Amino acid sequence: GKTTFSVDNSYGIQSFDKPFDMANASEYASIMNQSLINGGLSERFADPASMGKGTNWWGAGVNSTAPQQSFSFQMSGGDSKTRYSASLNYYDQESFYNSGNWKRFTGRLSVDWDLSEKVGAGVMVNPRREAWDNTPSWYQDYMLIDPITPIFRPAAEQVGLNEYSIYQRSYYTYVW
């Protein structure tokens, strides 16, 4: 039979909304103080209102959209006794985080033979290659780290540190 070919290409944008509203620094400090008081302990923050909005970790680290694209090529054909098909696919998506992306390459090759009315044979190969380039998995961290903690250490503390050590550690949550 005749060999047929097809090509598909698509581009889209995936959206990702924040799952819920997070407390700002003043609200967080008030909530933590109340929690400590309920547990019979002293307040940790003397003036929660003075802390302002603090760090919006979700807004600082998570994008609301991630572009993605896909390209595929297919061919198929054969005759009454032999059928074949092949495809190549490429998929690329930027990360929702401020770094990284995901790329996937897949292929498929298939050949089927009718050896008789009751016996057939076939071969199929499906190679796949995926790459997660510098894509973090910080989803939970962005929801758990407190808004009191700044993103970066003070400039005076950054001297001599590498690019991964300049971030401020949270002293109020277990993250980092």
Protein backbone atom coordinates (compact mmCIF):
# COMPACT_ATOMS: atom_id res chain seq x y z
CA GLY A 1 0.00 0.00 0.00
CA LYS A 2 0.81 3.60 -0.11
CA THR A 3 2.96 5.19 2.60
CA THR A 4 1.25 8.02 4.46
CA PHE A 5 2.97 10.80 6.35
CA SER A 6 1.76 13.28 8.94
CA VAL A 7 3.31 16.07 10.94
CA ASP A 8 1.89 17.72 14.05
CA ASN A 9 3.15 20.79 15.84
CA SER A 10 1.61 22.54 18.82
CA TYR A 11 2.47 25.31 21.22
CA GLY A 12 0.59 26.13 24.38
CA ILE A 13 0.84 27.69 27.77
CA GLN A 14 0.01 25.73 30.89
CA SER A 15 -1.27 27.80 33.82
CA PHE A 16 -0.71 27.07 37.45
CA ASP A 17 -2.51 28.94 40.19
CA LYS A 18 -1.41 29.25 43.79
CA PRO A 19 -3.37 26.62 45.73
CA PHE A 20 -4.39 29.04 48.48
CA ASP A 21 -3.58 32.44 49.97
CA MET A 22 -0.50 32.46 52.17
CA ALA A 23 -0.06 34.53 55.33
CA ASN A 24 2.17 37.58 55.04
CA ALA A 25 4.90 38.24 57.65
CA SER A 26 2.62 40.16 60.07
CA GLU A 27 -0.13 37.54 59.86
CA TYR A 28 2.39 34.71 60.24
CA ALA A 29 3.96 36.29 63.33
CA SER A 30 0.50 36.79 64.91
CA ILE A 31 -0.47 33.17 64.16
CA MET A 32 2.82 31.86 65.58
CA ASN A 33 2.47 34.00 68.71
CA GLN A 34 -1.07 32.72 69.28
CA SER A 35 0.11 29.15 68.77
CA LEU A 36 2.86 29.60 71.37
CA ILE A 37 0.43 31.22 73.84
CA ASN A 38 -2.02 28.32 73.33
CA GLY A 39 0.83 25.96 74.18
CA GLY A 40 1.64 27.83 77.38
CA LEU A 41 4.79 29.46 75.97
CA SER A 42 5.90 33.07 75.54
CA GLU A 43 5.39 35.04 72.36
CA ARG A 44 8.33 35.00 69.92
CA PHE A 45 7.52 38.20 68.03
CA ALA A 46 7.10 41.40 70.06
CA ASP A 47 5.34 43.48 67.37
CA PRO A 48 3.92 41.35 64.52
CA ALA A 49 2.36 44.38 62.78
CA SER A 50 5.83 45.91 62.26
CA MET A 51 6.91 42.97 60.09
CA GLY A 52 4.85 44.09 57.11
CA LYS A 53 4.31 41.83 54.14
CA GLY A 54 7.66 40.02 54.26
CA THR A 55 8.67 37.59 51.50
CA ASN A 56 6.11 36.25 49.05
CA TRP A 57 7.95 32.96 48.42
CA TRP A 58 5.35 31.68 45.99
CA GLY A 59 5.47 34.85 43.90
CA ALA A 60 9.28 34.94 44.02
CA GLY A 61 9.84 31.36 42.90
CA VAL A 62 6.85 30.04 41.00
CA ASN A 63 5.67 31.25 37.60
CA SER A 64 1.95 31.26 36.89
CA THR A 65 2.51 29.92 33.37
CA ALA A 66 4.86 27.51 31.65
CA PRO A 67 5.15 27.45 27.85
CA GLN A 68 5.20 24.04 26.22
CA GLN A 69 5.64 22.80 22.68
CA SER A 70 5.30 19.49 20.93
CA PHE A 71 6.36 18.26 17.49
CA SER A 72 5.72 14.83 15.97
CA PHE A 73 6.30 13.09 12.68
CA GLN A 74 4.54 9.84 11.71
CA MET A 75 4.64 7.54 8.73
CA SER A 76 2.86 4.26 8.04
CA GLY A 77 2.19 1.93 5.19
CA GLY A 78 2.45 -1.61 3.95
CA ASP A 79 0.58 -4.15 1.95
CA SER A 80 -1.68 -7.13 2.64
CA LYS A 81 1.14 -9.12 4.29
CA THR A 82 3.40 -6.44 5.81
CA ARG A 83 2.57 -3.29 7.72
CA TYR A 84 5.02 -0.73 9.11
CA SER A 85 4.88 2.52 11.03
CA ALA A 86 7.39 4.91 12.52
CA SER A 87 7.12 8.06 14.57
CA LEU A 88 9.38 10.63 16.19
CA ASN A 89 8.16 12.98 18.91
CA TYR A 90 9.69 15.94 20.71
CA TYR A 91 8.17 17.66 23.77
CA ASP A 92 9.58 20.66 25.64
CA GLN A 93 8.12 22.43 28.67
CA GLU A 94 9.62 25.21 30.74
CA SER A 95 9.46 24.71 34.47
CA PHE A 96 6.93 26.51 36.64
CA TYR A 97 9.87 27.38 38.85
CA ASN A 98 12.23 30.18 37.92
CA SER A 99 14.73 27.68 36.54
CA GLY A 100 14.78 24.50 34.51
CA ASN A 101 12.80 22.72 31.86
CA TRP A 102 11.71 19.23 30.76
CA LYS A 103 12.48 17.75 27.35
CA ARG A 104 11.34 14.39 26.05
CA PHE A 105 12.29 12.63 22.83
CA THR A 106 10.43 9.46 21.87
CA GLY A 107 10.37 7.24 18.85
CA ARG A 108 8.48 4.20 17.71
CA LEU A 109 9.19 1.71 14.97
CA SER A 110 6.78 -1.13 14.29
CA VAL A 111 6.68 -3.85 11.62
CA ASP A 112 4.06 -6.61 11.44
CA TRP A 113 4.00 -9.59 9.08
CA ASP A 114 1.23 -12.05 8.28
CA LEU A 115 3.18 -15.28 7.78
CA SER A 116 0.01 -17.28 7.13
CA GLU A 117 -3.71 -16.97 7.87
CA LYS A 118 -3.10 -18.07 11.48
CA VAL A 119 0.48 -17.00 12.19
CA GLY A 120 1.86 -13.50 12.37
CA ALA A 121 4.96 -11.83 13.75
CA GLY A 122 5.89 -8.33 14.68
CA VAL A 123 8.66 -6.17 16.03
CA MET A 124 8.25 -2.92 17.93
CA VAL A 125 10.91 -0.61 19.31
CA ASN A 126 10.06 2.39 21.54
CA PRO A 127 13.15 4.40 22.53
CA ARG A 128 12.68 7.31 24.92
CA ARG A 129 14.96 9.99 26.31
CA GLU A 130 13.95 12.50 28.97
CA ALA A 131 15.95 15.33 30.45
CA TRP A 132 15.01 17.42 33.45
CA ASP A 133 17.43 20.31 33.08
CA ASN A 134 18.05 22.01 36.42
CA THR A 135 14.38 21.63 37.37
CA PRO A 136 13.85 21.75 41.11
CA SER A 137 10.98 20.24 43.07
CA TRP A 138 10.38 23.05 45.52
CA TYR A 139 6.56 23.01 45.50
CA GLN A 140 6.26 22.02 49.16
CA ASP A 141 9.08 24.33 50.24
CA TYR A 142 7.34 27.38 48.79
CA MET A 143 4.25 26.57 50.84
CA LEU A 144 6.10 25.83 54.08
CA ILE A 145 8.83 28.43 54.37
CA ASP A 146 7.83 31.38 56.50
CA PRO A 147 7.29 34.87 55.04
CA ILE A 148 9.60 36.40 57.67
CA THR A 149 12.69 34.90 56.05
CA PRO A 150 14.19 36.99 53.23
CA ILE A 151 15.29 35.25 50.03
CA PHE A 152 18.95 36.24 50.26
CA ARG A 153 21.37 36.56 53.14
CA PRO A 154 22.42 40.14 53.93
CA ALA A 155 25.02 41.38 51.39
CA ALA A 156 27.78 41.43 54.03
CA GLU A 157 27.23 37.68 54.66
CA GLN A 158 27.38 36.78 50.94
CA VAL A 159 31.07 37.60 50.50
CA GLY A 160 33.01 34.49 49.47
CA LEU A 161 29.92 32.26 49.14
CA ASN A 162 29.04 30.28 46.03
CA GLU A 163 25.83 30.85 44.06
CA TYR A 164 23.89 28.28 46.13
CA SER A 165 24.96 29.53 49.56
CA ILE A 166 23.75 33.13 49.25
CA TYR A 167 20.17 32.22 50.17
CA GLN A 168 18.94 32.89 53.68
CA ARG A 169 18.08 29.91 55.86
CA SER A 170 14.75 29.96 57.67
CA TYR A 171 15.06 29.87 61.43
CA TYR A 172 11.33 29.37 61.95
CA THR A 173 10.57 26.43 59.65
CA TYR A 174 12.45 23.26 58.76
CA VAL A 175 12.83 24.24 55.10
CA TRP A 176 16.49 24.62 54.06
